[in-house]
């Protein structure tokens, strides 16, 4: 299970019976904000993936029928975002991978009525990831 905007402080410990929790909290002092978490069932073999990024992101490799990397990202709506940050994150993910989360990105490609700058960044990223060369 992937959660965004968990609003957990680093000092908060959380346990959900039957699940391991991997999380990255947004640390802005006293105020809770953002944050991401992945909850993995205890029956699912997994290993955390170390990613170096300032983005709110957490990644894990799970092994069910095969091994796949799952990366959960939260991009706050008012924080600046550039293509390079996302590309550097993706470059660290073992293939195959699933990138999911709350990108606060609007684009006609996924049914929004408008296109924002984040939508353009994500669209460019998708185009480059799916190009044959």
C-alpha atoms as a PDB file:
ATOM      1  CA  UNK A   1       0.000   0.000   0.000  1.00  0.00           C
ATOM      2  CA  UNK A   2       1.357   3.429  -0.926  1.00  0.00           C
ATOM      3  CA  UNK A   3       0.439   6.498   1.119  1.00  0.00           C
ATOM      4  CA  UNK A   4       1.191  10.145   0.417  1.00  0.00           C
ATOM      5  CA  UNK A   5       0.748  13.172   2.678  1.00  0.00           C
ATOM      6  CA  UNK A   6       1.151  10.995   5.759  1.00  0.00           C
ATOM      7  CA  UNK A   7       1.749  14.104   7.915  1.00  0.00           C
ATOM      8  CA  UNK A   8       3.957  12.083  10.274  1.00  0.00           C
ATOM      9  CA  UNK A   9       6.798  13.608  12.221  1.00  0.00           C
ATOM     10  CA  UNK A  10      10.079  11.660  12.405  1.00  0.00           C
ATOM     11  CA  UNK A  11       9.482  11.176  16.140  1.00  0.00           C
ATOM     12  CA  UNK A  12       6.170   9.382  15.486  1.00  0.00           C
ATOM     13  CA  UNK A  13       6.404   5.609  15.569  1.00  0.00           C
ATOM     14  CA  UNK A  14       3.691   3.698  13.800  1.00  0.00           C
ATOM     15  CA  UNK A  15       2.931   0.006  13.644  1.00  0.00           C
ATOM     16  CA  UNK A  16       0.229  -1.696  11.645  1.00  0.00           C
ATOM     17  CA  UNK A  17      -0.206  -5.341  12.501  1.00  0.00           C
ATOM     18  CA  UNK A  18       0.917  -7.642   9.713  1.00  0.00           C
ATOM     19  CA  UNK A  19       2.814  -4.958   7.799  1.00  0.00           C
ATOM     20  CA  UNK A  20       6.296  -3.543   7.574  1.00  0.00           C
ATOM     21  CA  UNK A  21       6.385   0.213   7.072  1.00  0.00           C
ATOM     22  CA  UNK A  22       8.977   2.150   5.093  1.00  0.00           C
ATOM     23  CA  UNK A  23       8.529   5.896   5.181  1.00  0.00           C
ATOM     24  CA  UNK A  24      10.107   9.248   4.506  1.00  0.00           C
ATOM     25  CA  UNK A  25       8.723  12.062   6.587  1.00  0.00           C
ATOM     26  CA  UNK A  26       8.734  15.727   5.709  1.00  0.00           C
ATOM     27  CA  UNK A  27      10.862  17.392   8.358  1.00  0.00           C
ATOM     28  CA  UNK A  28      10.104  21.094   8.633  1.00  0.00           C
ATOM     29  CA  UNK A  29      10.421  21.506  12.381  1.00  0.00           C
ATOM     30  CA  UNK A  30       7.271  21.687  14.483  1.00  0.00           C
ATOM     31  CA  UNK A  31       4.745  21.440  11.678  1.00  0.00           C
ATOM     32  CA  UNK A  32       3.714  18.134  10.089  1.00  0.00           C
ATOM     33  CA  UNK A  33       3.586  18.137   6.314  1.00  0.00           C
ATOM     34  CA  UNK A  34       3.758  15.806   3.335  1.00  0.00           C
ATOM     35  CA  UNK A  35       5.549  12.509   3.733  1.00  0.00           C
ATOM     36  CA  UNK A  36       5.283   9.116   2.043  1.00  0.00           C
ATOM     37  CA  UNK A  37       5.016   5.536   3.242  1.00  0.00           C
ATOM     38  CA  UNK A  38       4.958   2.048   1.780  1.00  0.00           C
ATOM     39  CA  UNK A  39       3.233  -0.717   3.739  1.00  0.00           C
ATOM     40  CA  UNK A  40       4.378  -4.219   2.832  1.00  0.00           C
ATOM     41  CA  UNK A  41       2.587  -7.333   4.031  1.00  0.00           C
ATOM     42  CA  UNK A  42       4.793  -9.501   6.226  1.00  0.00           C
ATOM     43  CA  UNK A  43       4.221 -12.424   3.833  1.00  0.00           C
ATOM     44  CA  UNK A  44       5.823 -10.492   0.959  1.00  0.00           C
ATOM     45  CA  UNK A  45       9.608 -10.766   0.629  1.00  0.00           C
ATOM     46  CA  UNK A  46      11.099  -7.287   0.194  1.00  0.00           C
ATOM     47  CA  UNK A  47      14.205  -5.195   0.587  1.00  0.00           C
ATOM     48  CA  UNK A  48      14.445  -1.396   0.871  1.00  0.00           C
ATOM     49  CA  UNK A  49      16.096   0.472  -1.995  1.00  0.00           C
ATOM     50  CA  UNK A  50      18.431   3.255  -0.929  1.00  0.00           C
ATOM     51  CA  UNK A  51      17.699   6.387  -2.936  1.00  0.00           C
ATOM     52  CA  UNK A  52      19.511   9.675  -2.600  1.00  0.00           C
ATOM     53  CA  UNK A  53      17.115  12.516  -3.281  1.00  0.00           C
ATOM     54  CA  UNK A  54      15.646  15.594  -1.678  1.00  0.00           C
ATOM     55  CA  UNK A  55      12.253  14.535  -3.028  1.00  0.00           C
ATOM     56  CA  UNK A  56       9.764  12.907  -0.688  1.00  0.00           C
ATOM     57  CA  UNK A  57      10.227   9.369  -1.994  1.00  0.00           C
ATOM     58  CA  UNK A  58      10.671   5.853  -0.671  1.00  0.00           C
ATOM     59  CA  UNK A  59      11.418   2.693  -2.664  1.00  0.00           C
ATOM     60  CA  UNK A  60      11.394  -1.045  -2.108  1.00  0.00           C
ATOM     61  CA  UNK A  61      12.012  -4.185  -4.145  1.00  0.00           C
ATOM     62  CA  UNK A  62       9.332  -6.833  -3.674  1.00  0.00           C
ATOM     63  CA  UNK A  63       9.522 -10.427  -4.818  1.00  0.00           C
ATOM     64  CA  UNK A  64       6.306 -12.252  -5.574  1.00  0.00           C
ATOM     65  CA  UNK A  65       6.515 -14.040  -8.933  1.00  0.00           C
ATOM     66  CA  UNK A  66       9.444 -11.883  -9.949  1.00  0.00           C
ATOM     67  CA  UNK A  67      11.281  -8.925  -8.444  1.00  0.00           C
ATOM     68  CA  UNK A  68       9.969  -5.427  -9.061  1.00  0.00           C
ATOM     69  CA  UNK A  69      10.896  -2.050  -7.592  1.00  0.00           C
ATOM     70  CA  UNK A  70       8.091   0.141  -6.267  1.00  0.00           C
ATOM     71  CA  UNK A  71       8.785   3.825  -5.638  1.00  0.00           C
ATOM     72  CA  UNK A  72       6.247   6.074  -3.918  1.00  0.00           C
ATOM     73  CA  UNK A  73       6.603   9.845  -4.397  1.00  0.00           C
ATOM     74  CA  UNK A  74       4.838  12.913  -3.042  1.00  0.00           C
ATOM     75  CA  UNK A  75       5.453  16.229  -4.773  1.00  0.00           C
ATOM     76  CA  UNK A  76       3.905  19.099  -2.778  1.00  0.00           C
ATOM     77  CA  UNK A  77       1.936  21.446  -5.031  1.00  0.00           C
ATOM     78  CA  UNK A  78       3.895  24.586  -4.169  1.00  0.00           C
ATOM     79  CA  UNK A  79       7.407  23.109  -4.167  1.00  0.00           C
ATOM     80  CA  UNK A  80       9.511  23.689  -7.289  1.00  0.00           C
ATOM     81  CA  UNK A  81      10.034  20.660  -9.511  1.00  0.00           C
ATOM     82  CA  UNK A  82      12.364  20.140 -12.403  1.00  0.00           C
ATOM     83  CA  UNK A  83      12.899  17.335 -14.847  1.00  0.00           C
ATOM     84  CA  UNK A  84      16.419  16.591 -13.611  1.00  0.00           C
ATOM     85  CA  UNK A  85      15.252  15.792 -10.043  1.00  0.00           C
ATOM     86  CA  UNK A  86      12.817  13.152 -11.257  1.00  0.00           C
ATOM     87  CA  UNK A  87      15.286  11.765 -13.789  1.00  0.00           C
ATOM     88  CA  UNK A  88      17.941  11.384 -11.072  1.00  0.00           C
ATOM     89  CA  UNK A  89      15.426   9.549  -8.887  1.00  0.00           C
ATOM     90  CA  UNK A  90      14.466   7.182 -11.701  1.00  0.00           C
ATOM     91  CA  UNK A  91      18.109   6.532 -12.569  1.00  0.00           C
ATOM     92  CA  UNK A  92      18.556   5.065  -9.076  1.00  0.00           C
ATOM     93  CA  UNK A  93      15.669   2.599  -9.360  1.00  0.00           C
ATOM     94  CA  UNK A  94      16.458  -0.999 -10.298  1.00  0.00           C
ATOM     95  CA  UNK A  95      14.407  -2.185 -13.289  1.00  0.00           C
ATOM     96  CA  UNK A  96      11.677  -3.084 -13.695  1.00  0.00           C
ATOM     97  CA  UNK A  97      10.044  -0.406 -11.579  1.00  0.00           C
ATOM     98  CA  UNK A  98       6.680   1.121 -10.807  1.00  0.00           C
ATOM     99  CA  UNK A  99       6.702   4.831 -10.015  1.00  0.00           C
ATOM    100  CA  UNK A 100       3.564   5.986  -8.258  1.00  0.00           C
ATOM    101  CA  UNK A 101       2.363   8.708  -5.963  1.00  0.00           C
ATOM    102  CA  UNK A 102       0.811  12.147  -5.799  1.00  0.00           C
ATOM    103  CA  UNK A 103       2.618  14.344  -8.293  1.00  0.00           C
ATOM    104  CA  UNK A 104       0.133  17.246  -8.184  1.00  0.00           C
ATOM    105  CA  UNK A 105       0.490  17.254 -11.966  1.00  0.00           C
ATOM    106  CA  UNK A 106      -2.280  18.214 -14.371  1.00  0.00           C
ATOM    107  CA  UNK A 107      -2.287  17.197 -18.023  1.00  0.00           C
ATOM    108  CA  UNK A 108      -4.812  16.395 -20.718  1.00  0.00           C
ATOM    109  CA  UNK A 109      -3.120  13.001 -21.204  1.00  0.00           C
ATOM    110  CA  UNK A 110      -4.566  11.735 -17.921  1.00  0.00           C
ATOM    111  CA  UNK A 111      -7.935  13.428 -18.157  1.00  0.00           C
ATOM    112  CA  UNK A 112      -7.362  16.812 -16.516  1.00  0.00           C
ATOM    113  CA  UNK A 113      -9.064  19.913 -17.852  1.00  0.00           C
ATOM    114  CA  UNK A 114      -5.819  21.895 -17.759  1.00  0.00           C
ATOM    115  CA  UNK A 115      -2.057  21.473 -18.040  1.00  0.00           C
ATOM    116  CA  UNK A 116       0.313  22.803 -15.385  1.00  0.00           C
ATOM    117  CA  UNK A 117       4.115  22.972 -15.350  1.00  0.00           C
ATOM    118  CA  UNK A 118       4.314  19.737 -13.331  1.00  0.00           C
ATOM    119  CA  UNK A 119       2.136  18.022 -15.903  1.00  0.00           C
ATOM    120  CA  UNK A 120       4.569  19.092 -18.610  1.00  0.00           C
ATOM    121  CA  UNK A 121       7.522  17.711 -16.605  1.00  0.00           C
ATOM    122  CA  UNK A 122       5.775  14.356 -16.037  1.00  0.00           C
ATOM    123  CA  UNK A 123       4.688  14.171 -19.687  1.00  0.00           C
ATOM    124  CA  UNK A 124       8.291  14.772 -20.808  1.00  0.00           C
ATOM    125  CA  UNK A 125       9.496  12.105 -18.395  1.00  0.00           C
ATOM    126  CA  UNK A 126       6.944   9.580 -19.680  1.00  0.00           C
ATOM    127  CA  UNK A 127       7.907  10.372 -23.263  1.00  0.00           C
ATOM    128  CA  UNK A 128      11.600   9.784 -22.556  1.00  0.00           C
ATOM    129  CA  UNK A 129      10.966   6.613 -20.541  1.00  0.00           C
ATOM    130  CA  UNK A 130       8.879   5.060 -23.293  1.00  0.00           C
ATOM    131  CA  UNK A 131      11.010   6.118 -26.268  1.00  0.00           C
ATOM    132  CA  UNK A 132      12.764   3.204 -28.000  1.00  0.00           C
ATOM    133  CA  UNK A 133      16.245   4.796 -27.915  1.00  0.00           C
END
